[in-house]
Amino acid sequence: DFLPKIKIEVVVPDTLVNKVIEVIMVTARTGKIGDGKIFVLPVQEGI
């Protein structure tokens, strides 16, 4: 039922968000079912 996957987490400035999403989409895509998902969440603060 549960397939092995890798979860990558990065925190980036707003200026890099679209570029990072594009890089992940293009690089991780195989064109077959199960290629994965990308989620974008706001970060209130980083220290």
All heavy atoms as atom14 arrays in JSON, in Angstrom:
{
  "sequence": "DFLPKIKIEVVVPDTLVNKVIEVIMVTARTGKIGDGKIFVLPVQEGI",
  "atom14_mask": [
    [1, 1, 1, 1, 1, 1, 1, 1, 0, 0, 0, 0, 0, 0],
    [1, 1, 1, 1, 1, 1, 1, 1, 1, 1, 1, 0, 0, 0],
    [1, 1, 1, 1, 1, 1, 1, 1, 0, 0, 0, 0, 0, 0],
    [1, 1, 1, 1, 1, 1, 1, 0, 0, 0, 0, 0, 0, 0],
    [1, 1, 1, 1, 1, 1, 1, 1, 1, 0, 0, 0, 0, 0],
    [1, 1, 1, 1, 1, 1, 1, 1, 0, 0, 0, 0, 0, 0],
    [1, 1, 1, 1, 1, 1, 1, 1, 1, 0, 0, 0, 0, 0],
    [1, 1, 1, 1, 1, 1, 1, 1, 0, 0, 0, 0, 0, 0],
    [1, 1, 1, 1, 1, 1, 1, 1, 1, 0, 0, 0, 0, 0],
    [1, 1, 1, 1, 1, 1, 1, 0, 0, 0, 0, 0, 0, 0],
    [1, 1, 1, 1, 1, 1, 1, 0, 0, 0, 0, 0, 0, 0],
    [1, 1, 1, 1, 1, 1, 1, 0, 0, 0, 0, 0, 0, 0],
    [1, 1, 1, 1, 1, 1, 1, 0, 0, 0, 0, 0, 0, 0],
    [1, 1, 1, 1, 1, 1, 1, 1, 0, 0, 0, 0, 0, 0],
    [1, 1, 1, 1, 1, 1, 1, 0, 0, 0, 0, 0, 0, 0],
    [1, 1, 1, 1, 1, 1, 1, 1, 0, 0, 0, 0, 0, 0],
    [1, 1, 1, 1, 1, 1, 1, 0, 0, 0, 0, 0, 0, 0],
    [1, 1, 1, 1, 1, 1, 1, 1, 0, 0, 0, 0, 0, 0],
    [1, 1, 1, 1, 1, 1, 1, 1, 1, 0, 0, 0, 0, 0],
    [1, 1, 1, 1, 1, 1, 1, 0, 0, 0, 0, 0, 0, 0],
    [1, 1, 1, 1, 1, 1, 1, 1, 0, 0, 0, 0, 0, 0],
    [1, 1, 1, 1, 1, 1, 1, 1, 1, 0, 0, 0, 0, 0],
    [1, 1, 1, 1, 1, 1, 1, 0, 0, 0, 0, 0, 0, 0],
    [1, 1, 1, 1, 1, 1, 1, 1, 0, 0, 0, 0, 0, 0],
    [1, 1, 1, 1, 1, 1, 1, 1, 0, 0, 0, 0, 0, 0],
    [1, 1, 1, 1, 1, 1, 1, 0, 0, 0, 0, 0, 0, 0],
    [1, 1, 1, 1, 1, 1, 1, 0, 0, 0, 0, 0, 0, 0],
    [1, 1, 1, 1, 1, 0, 0, 0, 0, 0, 0, 0, 0, 0],
    [1, 1, 1, 1, 1, 1, 1, 1, 1, 1, 1, 0, 0, 0],
    [1, 1, 1, 1, 1, 1, 1, 0, 0, 0, 0, 0, 0, 0],
    [1, 1, 1, 1, 0, 0, 0, 0, 0, 0, 0, 0, 0, 0],
    [1, 1, 1, 1, 1, 1, 1, 1, 1, 0, 0, 0, 0, 0],
    [1, 1, 1, 1, 1, 1, 1, 1, 0, 0, 0, 0, 0, 0],
    [1, 1, 1, 1, 0, 0, 0, 0, 0, 0, 0, 0, 0, 0],
    [1, 1, 1, 1, 1, 1, 1, 1, 0, 0, 0, 0, 0, 0],
    [1, 1, 1, 1, 0, 0, 0, 0, 0, 0, 0, 0, 0, 0],
    [1, 1, 1, 1, 1, 1, 1, 1, 1, 0, 0, 0, 0, 0],
    [1, 1, 1, 1, 1, 1, 1, 1, 0, 0, 0, 0, 0, 0],
    [1, 1, 1, 1, 1, 1, 1, 1, 1, 1, 1, 0, 0, 0],
    [1, 1, 1, 1, 1, 1, 1, 0, 0, 0, 0, 0, 0, 0],
    [1, 1, 1, 1, 1, 1, 1, 1, 0, 0, 0, 0, 0, 0],
    [1, 1, 1, 1, 1, 1, 1, 0, 0, 0, 0, 0, 0, 0],
    [1, 1, 1, 1, 1, 1, 1, 0, 0, 0, 0, 0, 0, 0],
    [1, 1, 1, 1, 1, 1, 1, 1, 1, 0, 0, 0, 0, 0],
    [1, 1, 1, 1, 1, 1, 1, 1, 1, 0, 0, 0, 0, 0],
    [1, 1, 1, 1, 0, 0, 0, 0, 0, 0, 0, 0, 0, 0],
    [1, 1, 1, 1, 1, 1, 1, 1, 0, 0, 0, 0, 0, 0]
  ],
  "atom14_positions": [
    [[0.82, -1.21, 0.0], [0.0, 0.0, 0.0], [0.85, 1.26, 0.0], [0.52, 2.25, -0.64], [-0.92, 0.03, 1.22], [-2.02, -1.01, 1.13], [-2.39, -1.38, 0.0], [-2.5, -1.46, 2.18], [0.0, 0.0, 0.0], [0.0, 0.0, 0.0], [0.0, 0.0, 0.0], [0.0, 0.0, 0.0], [0.0, 0.0, 0.0], [0.0, 0.0, 0.0]],
    [[1.94, 1.24, 0.76], [2.78, 2.43, 0.88], [4.06, 2.23, 0.09], [4.81, 1.29, 0.33], [3.09, 2.7, 2.36], [1.87, 3.05, 3.15], [1.24, 2.1, 3.93], [1.33, 4.32, 3.1], [0.1, 2.41, 4.66], [0.19, 4.65, 3.81], [-0.42, 3.69, 4.59], [0.0, 0.0, 0.0], [0.0, 0.0, 0.0], [0.0, 0.0, 0.0]],
    [[4.29, 3.15, -0.83], [5.46, 3.06, -1.69], [6.58, 3.97, -1.17], [6.31, 5.03, -0.62], [5.08, 3.49, -3.11], [3.96, 2.67, -3.74], [3.55, 3.28, -5.07], [4.41, 1.24, -3.94], [0.0, 0.0, 0.0], [0.0, 0.0, 0.0], [0.0, 0.0, 0.0], [0.0, 0.0, 0.0], [0.0, 0.0, 0.0], [0.0, 0.0, 0.0]],
    [[7.83, 3.56, -1.34], [8.94, 4.4, -0.88], [9.05, 5.67, -1.71], [8.97, 5.62, -2.95], [10.17, 3.52, -1.04], [9.78, 2.46, -2.01], [8.29, 2.31, -1.93], [0.0, 0.0, 0.0], [0.0, 0.0, 0.0], [0.0, 0.0, 0.0], [0.0, 0.0, 0.0], [0.0, 0.0, 0.0], [0.0, 0.0, 0.0], [0.0, 0.0, 0.0]],
    [[9.2, 6.8, -1.03], [9.36, 8.1, -1.68], [10.42, 8.87, -0.93], [10.84, 8.49, 0.16], [8.04, 8.9, -1.65], [6.86, 8.23, -2.32], [6.99, 8.26, -3.81], [5.77, 7.63, -4.46], [5.86, 7.67, -5.91], [0.0, 0.0, 0.0], [0.0, 0.0, 0.0], [0.0, 0.0, 0.0], [0.0, 0.0, 0.0], [0.0, 0.0, 0.0]],
    [[10.84, 9.98, -1.48], [11.77, 10.9, -0.83], [11.06, 12.23, -0.65], [10.42, 12.73, -1.58], [13.05, 11.11, -1.67], [13.82, 9.8, -1.81], [13.92, 12.2, -1.05], [14.41, 9.26, -0.54], [0.0, 0.0, 0.0], [0.0, 0.0, 0.0], [0.0, 0.0, 0.0], [0.0, 0.0, 0.0], [0.0, 0.0, 0.0], [0.0, 0.0, 0.0]],
    [[11.18, 12.8, 0.54], [10.61, 14.11, 0.82], [11.76, 15.1, 0.95], [12.66, 14.93, 1.77], [9.81, 14.09, 2.12], [9.18, 15.41, 2.47], [8.37, 15.25, 3.76], [7.68, 16.52, 4.16], [6.92, 16.34, 5.41], [0.0, 0.0, 0.0], [0.0, 0.0, 0.0], [0.0, 0.0, 0.0], [0.0, 0.0, 0.0], [0.0, 0.0, 0.0]],
    [[11.75, 16.11, 0.09], [12.74, 17.18, 0.11], [12.08, 18.42, 0.68], [11.0, 18.81, 0.23], [13.29, 17.47, -1.3], [13.97, 16.24, -1.88], [14.24, 18.66, -1.27], [14.42, 16.4, -3.31], [0.0, 0.0, 0.0], [0.0, 0.0, 0.0], [0.0, 0.0, 0.0], [0.0, 0.0, 0.0], [0.0, 0.0, 0.0], [0.0, 0.0, 0.0]],
    [[12.71, 19.03, 1.67], [12.21, 20.26, 2.27], [13.27, 21.34, 2.14], [14.42, 21.12, 2.52], [11.88, 20.04, 3.74], [10.81, 18.99, 3.98], [10.63, 18.68, 5.44], [9.82, 19.35, 6.1], [11.34, 17.77, 5.93], [0.0, 0.0, 0.0], [0.0, 0.0, 0.0], [0.0, 0.0, 0.0], [0.0, 0.0, 0.0], [0.0, 0.0, 0.0]],
    [[12.88, 22.48, 1.57], [13.78, 23.62, 1.47], [13.02, 24.88, 1.87], [11.83, 24.99, 1.62], [14.37, 23.8, 0.05], [15.23, 22.62, -0.34], [13.3, 24.02, -0.99], [0.0, 0.0, 0.0], [0.0, 0.0, 0.0], [0.0, 0.0, 0.0], [0.0, 0.0, 0.0], [0.0, 0.0, 0.0], [0.0, 0.0, 0.0], [0.0, 0.0, 0.0]],
    [[13.73, 25.8, 2.5], [13.16, 27.11, 2.8], [13.96, 28.12, 1.99], [15.19, 28.14, 2.05], [13.25, 27.43, 4.31], [12.73, 28.84, 4.59], [12.45, 26.41, 5.11], [0.0, 0.0, 0.0], [0.0, 0.0, 0.0], [0.0, 0.0, 0.0], [0.0, 0.0, 0.0], [0.0, 0.0, 0.0], [0.0, 0.0, 0.0], [0.0, 0.0, 0.0]],
    [[13.24, 28.9, 1.18], [13.91, 29.83, 0.27], [13.26, 31.21, 0.35], [12.1, 31.34, 0.75], [13.85, 29.33, -1.2], [14.61, 28.02, -1.36], [12.43, 29.17, -1.68], [0.0, 0.0, 0.0], [0.0, 0.0, 0.0], [0.0, 0.0, 0.0], [0.0, 0.0, 0.0], [0.0, 0.0, 0.0], [0.0, 0.0, 0.0], [0.0, 0.0, 0.0]],
    [[14.01, 32.25, -0.04], [13.4, 33.58, -0.13], [12.32, 33.58, -1.2], [12.35, 32.77, -2.14], [14.55, 34.49, -0.52], [15.79, 33.69, -0.45], [15.41, 32.25, -0.39], [0.0, 0.0, 0.0], [0.0, 0.0, 0.0], [0.0, 0.0, 0.0], [0.0, 0.0, 0.0], [0.0, 0.0, 0.0], [0.0, 0.0, 0.0], [0.0, 0.0, 0.0]],
    [[11.37, 34.49, -1.09], [10.27, 34.57, -2.05], [10.77, 34.7, -3.49], [10.13, 34.22, -4.42], [9.35, 35.74, -1.71], [8.57, 35.5, -0.43], [8.36, 34.32, -0.07], [8.18, 36.48, 0.23], [0.0, 0.0, 0.0], [0.0, 0.0, 0.0], [0.0, 0.0, 0.0], [0.0, 0.0, 0.0], [0.0, 0.0, 0.0], [0.0, 0.0, 0.0]],
    [[11.92, 35.31, -3.68], [12.45, 35.52, -5.02], [12.88, 34.23, -5.71], [12.95, 34.18, -6.93], [13.67, 36.48, -4.99], [14.65, 35.95, -4.09], [13.26, 37.87, -4.53], [0.0, 0.0, 0.0], [0.0, 0.0, 0.0], [0.0, 0.0, 0.0], [0.0, 0.0, 0.0], [0.0, 0.0, 0.0], [0.0, 0.0, 0.0], [0.0, 0.0, 0.0]],
    [[13.14, 33.17, -4.95], [13.59, 31.9, -5.54], [12.48, 30.86, -5.68], [12.7, 29.81, -6.28], [14.7, 31.28, -4.68], [16.13, 31.72, -4.93], [17.08, 30.99, -4.02], [16.52, 31.51, -6.37], [0.0, 0.0, 0.0], [0.0, 0.0, 0.0], [0.0, 0.0, 0.0], [0.0, 0.0, 0.0], [0.0, 0.0, 0.0], [0.0, 0.0, 0.0]],
    [[11.3, 31.13, -5.15], [10.24, 30.12, -5.09], [9.9, 29.55, -6.47], [9.91, 28.33, -6.66], [8.98, 30.68, -4.39], [7.81, 29.72, -4.53], [9.26, 30.98, -2.94], [0.0, 0.0, 0.0], [0.0, 0.0, 0.0], [0.0, 0.0, 0.0], [0.0, 0.0, 0.0], [0.0, 0.0, 0.0], [0.0, 0.0, 0.0], [0.0, 0.0, 0.0]],
    [[9.6, 30.4, -7.42], [9.19, 29.9, -8.75], [10.31, 29.12, -9.43], [10.05, 28.11, -10.08], [8.73, 31.06, -9.63], [7.42, 31.65, -9.16], [6.61, 30.96, -8.52], [7.2, 32.92, -9.44], [0.0, 0.0, 0.0], [0.0, 0.0, 0.0], [0.0, 0.0, 0.0], [0.0, 0.0, 0.0], [0.0, 0.0, 0.0], [0.0, 0.0, 0.0]],
    [[11.55, 29.55, -9.28], [12.68, 28.86, -9.89], [12.86, 27.47, -9.27], [13.07, 26.49, -9.98], [13.95, 29.69, -9.73], [15.16, 29.09, -10.36], [15.03, 28.98, -11.85], [16.32, 28.46, -12.47], [16.16, 28.1, -13.86], [0.0, 0.0, 0.0], [0.0, 0.0, 0.0], [0.0, 0.0, 0.0], [0.0, 0.0, 0.0], [0.0, 0.0, 0.0]],
    [[12.75, 27.4, -7.94], [12.9, 26.11, -7.26], [11.79, 25.14, -7.67], [12.05, 23.97, -7.95], [12.93, 26.31, -5.72], [12.8, 24.98, -5.0], [14.22, 27.01, -5.31], [0.0, 0.0, 0.0], [0.0, 0.0, 0.0], [0.0, 0.0, 0.0], [0.0, 0.0, 0.0], [0.0, 0.0, 0.0], [0.0, 0.0, 0.0], [0.0, 0.0, 0.0]],
    [[10.57, 25.63, -7.74], [9.45, 24.78, -8.17], [9.69, 24.25, -9.58], [9.51, 23.07, -9.86], [8.12, 25.56, -8.09], [7.75, 25.82, -6.64], [7.0, 24.8, -8.81], [6.6, 26.8, -6.46], [0.0, 0.0, 0.0], [0.0, 0.0, 0.0], [0.0, 0.0, 0.0], [0.0, 0.0, 0.0], [0.0, 0.0, 0.0], [0.0, 0.0, 0.0]],
    [[10.11, 25.13, -10.47], [10.37, 24.73, -11.86], [11.47, 23.68, -11.94], [11.35, 22.69, -12.67], [10.74, 25.96, -12.7], [10.98, 25.67, -14.15], [9.74, 25.21, -14.92], [8.61, 25.49, -14.47], [9.91, 24.57, -15.96], [0.0, 0.0, 0.0], [0.0, 0.0, 0.0], [0.0, 0.0, 0.0], [0.0, 0.0, 0.0], [0.0, 0.0, 0.0]],
    [[12.56, 23.88, -11.19], [13.66, 22.92, -11.19], [13.2, 21.56, -10.71], [13.51, 20.53, -11.31], [14.84, 23.45, -10.32], [15.82, 22.34, -10.0], [15.54, 24.6, -11.02], [0.0, 0.0, 0.0], [0.0, 0.0, 0.0], [0.0, 0.0, 0.0], [0.0, 0.0, 0.0], [0.0, 0.0, 0.0], [0.0, 0.0, 0.0], [0.0, 0.0, 0.0]],
    [[12.43, 21.53, -9.63], [11.94, 20.24, -9.11], [11.01, 19.58, -10.11], [11.13, 18.38, -10.39], [11.24, 20.42, -7.75], [12.25, 20.89, -6.69], [10.58, 19.11, -7.31], [11.61, 21.32, -5.38], [0.0, 0.0, 0.0], [0.0, 0.0, 0.0], [0.0, 0.0, 0.0], [0.0, 0.0, 0.0], [0.0, 0.0, 0.0], [0.0, 0.0, 0.0]],
    [[10.09, 20.36, -10.69], [9.13, 19.79, -11.64], [9.84, 19.17, -12.85], [9.54, 18.05, -13.25], [8.15, 20.85, -12.12], [7.07, 21.15, -11.11], [5.93, 22.44, -11.66], [5.46, 21.9, -13.28], [0.0, 0.0, 0.0], [0.0, 0.0, 0.0], [0.0, 0.0, 0.0], [0.0, 0.0, 0.0], [0.0, 0.0, 0.0], [0.0, 0.0, 0.0]],
    [[10.76, 19.91, -13.42], [11.45, 19.44, -14.63], [12.35, 18.24, -14.31], [12.38, 17.26, -15.05], [12.26, 20.59, -15.27], [13.19, 20.08, -16.35], [11.31, 21.64, -15.82], [0.0, 0.0, 0.0], [0.0, 0.0, 0.0], [0.0, 0.0, 0.0], [0.0, 0.0, 0.0], [0.0, 0.0, 0.0], [0.0, 0.0, 0.0], [0.0, 0.0, 0.0]],
    [[13.07, 18.32, -13.21], [14.06, 17.29, -12.89], [13.43, 16.0, -12.38], [13.9, 14.91, -12.7], [15.06, 17.83, -11.84], [15.55, 19.1, -12.27], [16.23, 16.89, -11.66], [0.0, 0.0, 0.0], [0.0, 0.0, 0.0], [0.0, 0.0, 0.0], [0.0, 0.0, 0.0], [0.0, 0.0, 0.0], [0.0, 0.0, 0.0], [0.0, 0.0, 0.0]],
    [[12.36, 16.1, -11.59], [11.76, 14.9, -11.0], [10.74, 14.22, -11.91], [10.34, 13.1, -11.66], [11.09, 15.26, -9.67], [0.0, 0.0, 0.0], [0.0, 0.0, 0.0], [0.0, 0.0, 0.0], [0.0, 0.0, 0.0], [0.0, 0.0, 0.0], [0.0, 0.0, 0.0], [0.0, 0.0, 0.0], [0.0, 0.0, 0.0], [0.0, 0.0, 0.0]],
    [[10.34, 14.88, -12.98], [9.29, 14.34, -13.86], [9.81, 13.16, -14.68], [10.84, 13.22, -15.32], [8.8, 15.43, -14.79], [7.7, 14.94, -15.74], [7.21, 16.03, -16.66], [6.53, 17.06, -15.85], [6.63, 18.35, -16.06], [7.4, 18.8, -17.03], [5.97, 19.21, -15.31], [0.0, 0.0, 0.0], [0.0, 0.0, 0.0], [0.0, 0.0, 0.0]],
    [[9.05, 12.05, -14.64], [9.32, 10.91, -15.52], [8.18, 10.74, -16.53], [8.32, 10.02, -17.49], [9.44, 9.58, -14.72], [8.17, 9.27, -14.14], [10.51, 9.67, -13.66], [0.0, 0.0, 0.0], [0.0, 0.0, 0.0], [0.0, 0.0, 0.0], [0.0, 0.0, 0.0], [0.0, 0.0, 0.0], [0.0, 0.0, 0.0], [0.0, 0.0, 0.0]],
    [[7.04, 11.38, -16.24], [5.89, 11.25, -17.11], [5.0, 10.08, -16.74], [4.01, 9.81, -17.41], [0.0, 0.0, 0.0], [0.0, 0.0, 0.0], [0.0, 0.0, 0.0], [0.0, 0.0, 0.0], [0.0, 0.0, 0.0], [0.0, 0.0, 0.0], [0.0, 0.0, 0.0], [0.0, 0.0, 0.0], [0.0, 0.0, 0.0], [0.0, 0.0, 0.0]],
    [[5.34, 9.38, -15.67], [4.56, 8.22, -15.24], [3.88, 8.53, -13.92], [4.29, 9.42, -13.18], [5.46, 7.0, -15.11], [6.09, 6.6, -16.43], [6.94, 5.38, -16.29], [7.52, 5.06, -17.67], [8.62, 4.14, -17.6], [0.0, 0.0, 0.0], [0.0, 0.0, 0.0], [0.0, 0.0, 0.0], [0.0, 0.0, 0.0], [0.0, 0.0, 0.0]],
    [[2.85, 7.76, -13.62], [2.12, 7.95, -12.38], [3.08, 7.78, -11.2], [3.99, 6.97, -11.23], [0.93, 6.98, -12.28], [0.0, 7.39, -11.15], [1.39, 5.56, -12.15], [-1.35, 6.71, -11.21], [0.0, 0.0, 0.0], [0.0, 0.0, 0.0], [0.0, 0.0, 0.0], [0.0, 0.0, 0.0], [0.0, 0.0, 0.0], [0.0, 0.0, 0.0]],
    [[2.89, 8.61, -10.16], [3.73, 8.52, -8.98], [4.93, 9.43, -8.98], [5.81, 9.3, -8.15], [0.0, 0.0, 0.0], [0.0, 0.0, 0.0], [0.0, 0.0, 0.0], [0.0, 0.0, 0.0], [0.0, 0.0, 0.0], [0.0, 0.0, 0.0], [0.0, 0.0, 0.0], [0.0, 0.0, 0.0], [0.0, 0.0, 0.0], [0.0, 0.0, 0.0]],
    [[4.98, 10.38, -9.92], [6.11, 11.32, -9.97], [6.19, 12.18, -8.72], [7.27, 12.62, -8.34], [6.02, 12.23, -11.2], [6.63, 11.6, -12.43], [7.27, 10.55, -12.31], [6.48, 12.18, -13.52], [0.0, 0.0, 0.0], [0.0, 0.0, 0.0], [0.0, 0.0, 0.0], [0.0, 0.0, 0.0], [0.0, 0.0, 0.0], [0.0, 0.0, 0.0]],
    [[5.08, 12.43, -8.05], [5.12, 13.14, -6.79], [4.3, 14.4, -6.75], [3.5, 14.68, -7.64], [0.0, 0.0, 0.0], [0.0, 0.0, 0.0], [0.0, 0.0, 0.0], [0.0, 0.0, 0.0], [0.0, 0.0, 0.0], [0.0, 0.0, 0.0], [0.0, 0.0, 0.0], [0.0, 0.0, 0.0], [0.0, 0.0, 0.0], [0.0, 0.0, 0.0]],
    [[4.54, 15.18, -5.7], [3.81, 16.42, -5.46], [4.77, 17.46, -4.92], [5.8, 17.14, -4.33], [2.72, 16.21, -4.4], [1.64, 15.22, -4.76], [0.46, 15.9, -5.38], [-0.76, 15.03, -5.46], [-0.72, 13.95, -6.36], [0.0, 0.0, 0.0], [0.0, 0.0, 0.0], [0.0, 0.0, 0.0], [0.0, 0.0, 0.0], [0.0, 0.0, 0.0]],
    [[4.38, 18.74, -5.08], [5.11, 19.86, -4.5], [4.1, 20.69, -3.71], [3.02, 21.0, -4.22], [5.77, 20.74, -5.59], [6.77, 19.92, -6.39], [6.44, 21.96, -4.95], [7.33, 20.66, -7.6], [0.0, 0.0, 0.0], [0.0, 0.0, 0.0], [0.0, 0.0, 0.0], [0.0, 0.0, 0.0], [0.0, 0.0, 0.0], [0.0, 0.0, 0.0]],
    [[4.48, 21.05, -2.49], [3.65, 21.9, -1.64], [4.46, 23.13, -1.26], [5.65, 23.03, -0.96], [3.22, 21.15, -0.37], [2.48, 19.88, -0.66], [3.13, 18.65, -0.59], [1.14, 19.89, -1.02], [2.46, 17.47, -0.86], [0.46, 18.72, -1.29], [1.12, 17.51, -1.22], [0.0, 0.0, 0.0], [0.0, 0.0, 0.0], [0.0, 0.0, 0.0]],
    [[3.81, 24.29, -1.26], [4.46, 25.54, -0.88], [3.72, 26.1, 0.32], [2.52, 26.3, 0.28], [4.44, 26.55, -2.06], [5.13, 27.84, -1.66], [5.08, 25.94, -3.3], [0.0, 0.0, 0.0], [0.0, 0.0, 0.0], [0.0, 0.0, 0.0], [0.0, 0.0, 0.0], [0.0, 0.0, 0.0], [0.0, 0.0, 0.0], [0.0, 0.0, 0.0]],
    [[4.48, 26.36, 1.39], [3.9, 26.86, 2.64], [4.59, 28.16, 3.04], [5.79, 28.31, 2.85], [4.11, 25.84, 3.76], [3.52, 24.46, 3.54], [4.55, 23.51, 3.01], [2.96, 23.95, 4.82], [0.0, 0.0, 0.0], [0.0, 0.0, 0.0], [0.0, 0.0, 0.0], [0.0, 0.0, 0.0], [0.0, 0.0, 0.0], [0.0, 0.0, 0.0]],
    [[3.84, 29.09, 3.63], [4.47, 30.32, 4.11], [5.3, 30.04, 5.36], [4.95, 29.18, 6.17], [3.29, 31.23, 4.44], [2.15, 30.3, 4.69], [2.4, 29.08, 3.85], [0.0, 0.0, 0.0], [0.0, 0.0, 0.0], [0.0, 0.0, 0.0], [0.0, 0.0, 0.0], [0.0, 0.0, 0.0], [0.0, 0.0, 0.0], [0.0, 0.0, 0.0]],
    [[6.42, 30.74, 5.48], [7.26, 30.64, 6.68], [7.22, 32.0, 7.36], [7.61, 33.01, 6.78], [8.71, 30.26, 6.31], [9.61, 30.31, 7.54], [8.75, 28.88, 5.68], [0.0, 0.0, 0.0], [0.0, 0.0, 0.0], [0.0, 0.0, 0.0], [0.0, 0.0, 0.0], [0.0, 0.0, 0.0], [0.0, 0.0, 0.0], [0.0, 0.0, 0.0]],
    [[6.75, 32.01, 8.58], [6.62, 33.26, 9.31], [7.97, 33.81, 9.74], [8.23, 35.0, 9.65], [5.74, 33.06, 10.53], [5.47, 34.32, 11.31], [4.48, 34.09, 12.44], [3.76, 33.1, 12.44], [4.46, 34.98, 13.38], [0.0, 0.0, 0.0], [0.0, 0.0, 0.0], [0.0, 0.0, 0.0], [0.0, 0.0, 0.0], [0.0, 0.0, 0.0]],
    [[8.85, 32.94, 10.19], [10.15, 33.39, 10.67], [11.16, 32.26, 10.57], [10.81, 31.09, 10.68], [10.04, 33.84, 12.13], [11.31, 34.4, 12.74], [11.77, 35.69, 12.1], [11.3, 36.76, 12.5], [12.6, 35.62, 11.16], [0.0, 0.0, 0.0], [0.0, 0.0, 0.0], [0.0, 0.0, 0.0], [0.0, 0.0, 0.0], [0.0, 0.0, 0.0]],
    [[12.41, 32.61, 10.35], [13.51, 31.66, 10.37], [14.64, 32.27, 11.19], [14.94, 33.45, 11.04], [0.0, 0.0, 0.0], [0.0, 0.0, 0.0], [0.0, 0.0, 0.0], [0.0, 0.0, 0.0], [0.0, 0.0, 0.0], [0.0, 0.0, 0.0], [0.0, 0.0, 0.0], [0.0, 0.0, 0.0], [0.0, 0.0, 0.0], [0.0, 0.0, 0.0]],
    [[15.24, 31.47, 12.04], [16.3, 31.95, 12.91], [17.46, 30.97, 12.88], [17.27, 29.77, 13.09], [15.8, 32.1, 14.37], [14.59, 33.05, 14.41], [16.92, 32.58, 15.29], [13.78, 32.96, 15.67], [0.0, 0.0, 0.0], [0.0, 0.0, 0.0], [0.0, 0.0, 0.0], [0.0, 0.0, 0.0], [0.0, 0.0, 0.0], [0.0, 0.0, 0.0]]
  ]
}
